[in-house]
Protein backbone atom coordinates (compact mmCIF):
# COMPACT_ATOMS: atom_id res chain seq x y z
CA MET A 1 0.16 0.01 -0.08
CA TYR A 2 0.87 3.81 -0.72
CA TYR A 3 0.01 6.84 1.13
CA ASN A 4 -2.22 8.87 -0.91
CA ASP A 5 -2.80 6.04 -3.34
CA HIS A 6 -5.82 6.14 -5.46
CA VAL A 7 -9.44 4.59 -4.57
CA PRO A 8 -10.71 2.11 -4.91
CA PRO A 9 -9.03 0.43 -1.84
CA HIS A 10 -6.25 -1.96 -2.96
CA PHE A 11 -2.81 -3.06 -2.58
CA HIS A 12 0.06 -3.75 -4.82
CA ALA A 13 1.57 -7.39 -5.07
CA LYS A 14 5.05 -7.85 -6.77
CA TYR A 15 6.57 -11.41 -7.83
CA ALA A 16 9.74 -11.46 -9.54
CA GLU A 17 9.31 -8.76 -12.51
CA PHE A 18 5.55 -9.17 -12.33
CA LYS A 19 3.53 -6.49 -10.56
CA ALA A 20 -0.35 -6.24 -9.74
CA GLU A 21 -2.87 -3.94 -8.30
CA ILE A 22 -5.65 -5.80 -6.16
CA ASP A 23 -9.09 -4.30 -4.98
CA ILE A 24 -9.18 -5.25 -1.41
CA ASN A 25 -12.99 -5.57 -1.52
CA THR A 26 -13.52 -8.01 -4.71
CA LEU A 27 -9.92 -9.13 -4.92
CA GLU A 28 -9.94 -8.35 -8.57
CA VAL A 29 -6.96 -7.41 -10.26
CA LEU A 30 -7.16 -3.81 -11.38
CA ASN A 31 -3.70 -3.37 -12.85
CA GLY A 32 -1.04 -5.58 -14.20
CA ASP A 33 -0.80 -9.43 -13.62
CA LEU A 34 0.71 -12.16 -11.78
CA PRO A 35 1.72 -15.80 -12.68
CA LYS A 36 -1.09 -18.09 -12.05
CA ARG A 37 0.54 -19.86 -8.78
CA ALA A 38 1.46 -16.47 -7.43
CA LYS A 39 -1.79 -15.01 -7.94
CA ALA A 40 -3.71 -17.92 -6.32
CA LEU A 41 -1.33 -17.25 -3.22
CA VAL A 42 -1.90 -13.80 -3.17
CA LEU A 43 -5.52 -13.88 -3.59
CA GLU A 44 -5.75 -16.68 -0.74
CA TRP A 45 -3.66 -14.50 1.72
CA ALA A 46 -5.67 -11.40 0.86
CA ASP A 47 -9.09 -13.18 1.23
CA GLU A 48 -7.57 -14.35 4.67
CA HIS A 49 -6.67 -10.97 5.81
CA ARG A 50 -9.07 -8.68 4.02
CA GLU A 51 -10.19 -7.04 7.27
CA GLU A 52 -6.63 -6.10 8.03
CA LEU A 53 -6.11 -5.03 4.56
CA LYS A 54 -9.00 -2.64 4.80
CA ASN A 55 -7.70 -1.25 8.29
CA ASN A 56 -4.54 -0.55 6.97
CA TRP A 57 -6.03 1.29 3.77
CA GLU A 58 -7.56 3.65 6.32
CA LEU A 59 -4.43 4.05 8.18
CA ALA A 60 -2.42 4.95 5.04
CA ARG A 61 -5.37 7.29 3.93
CA ALA A 62 -4.80 8.94 7.51
CA LYS A 63 -0.92 8.85 6.86
CA ASP A 64 -0.59 6.79 10.08
CA GLU A 65 1.83 3.84 10.43
CA LEU A 66 0.74 0.50 8.72
CA LYS A 67 0.25 -2.55 10.76
CA ASN A 68 1.96 -5.76 9.88
CA ILE A 69 0.04 -8.65 8.29
CA GLU A 70 1.03 -12.15 8.71
CA PRO A 71 1.99 -14.00 5.62
CA LEU A 72 0.32 -16.84 4.15
CA LYS A 73 1.05 -19.99 6.18
């Protein structure tokens, strides 16, 4: 996530040279792409941590420090 980023609420994912912006509410890829396996893992993680992602989005908009989110187990 980036401070002062555009709506809708989203996060940025990177894998090797690939990048994607993913909507927090719908888990739709808004921009970019990831390889199939990496995308599946990112979406699984995001689904498990959607509320934390939403909270971090609000913190970023308020220019507060973001909270760490656990990796996929």
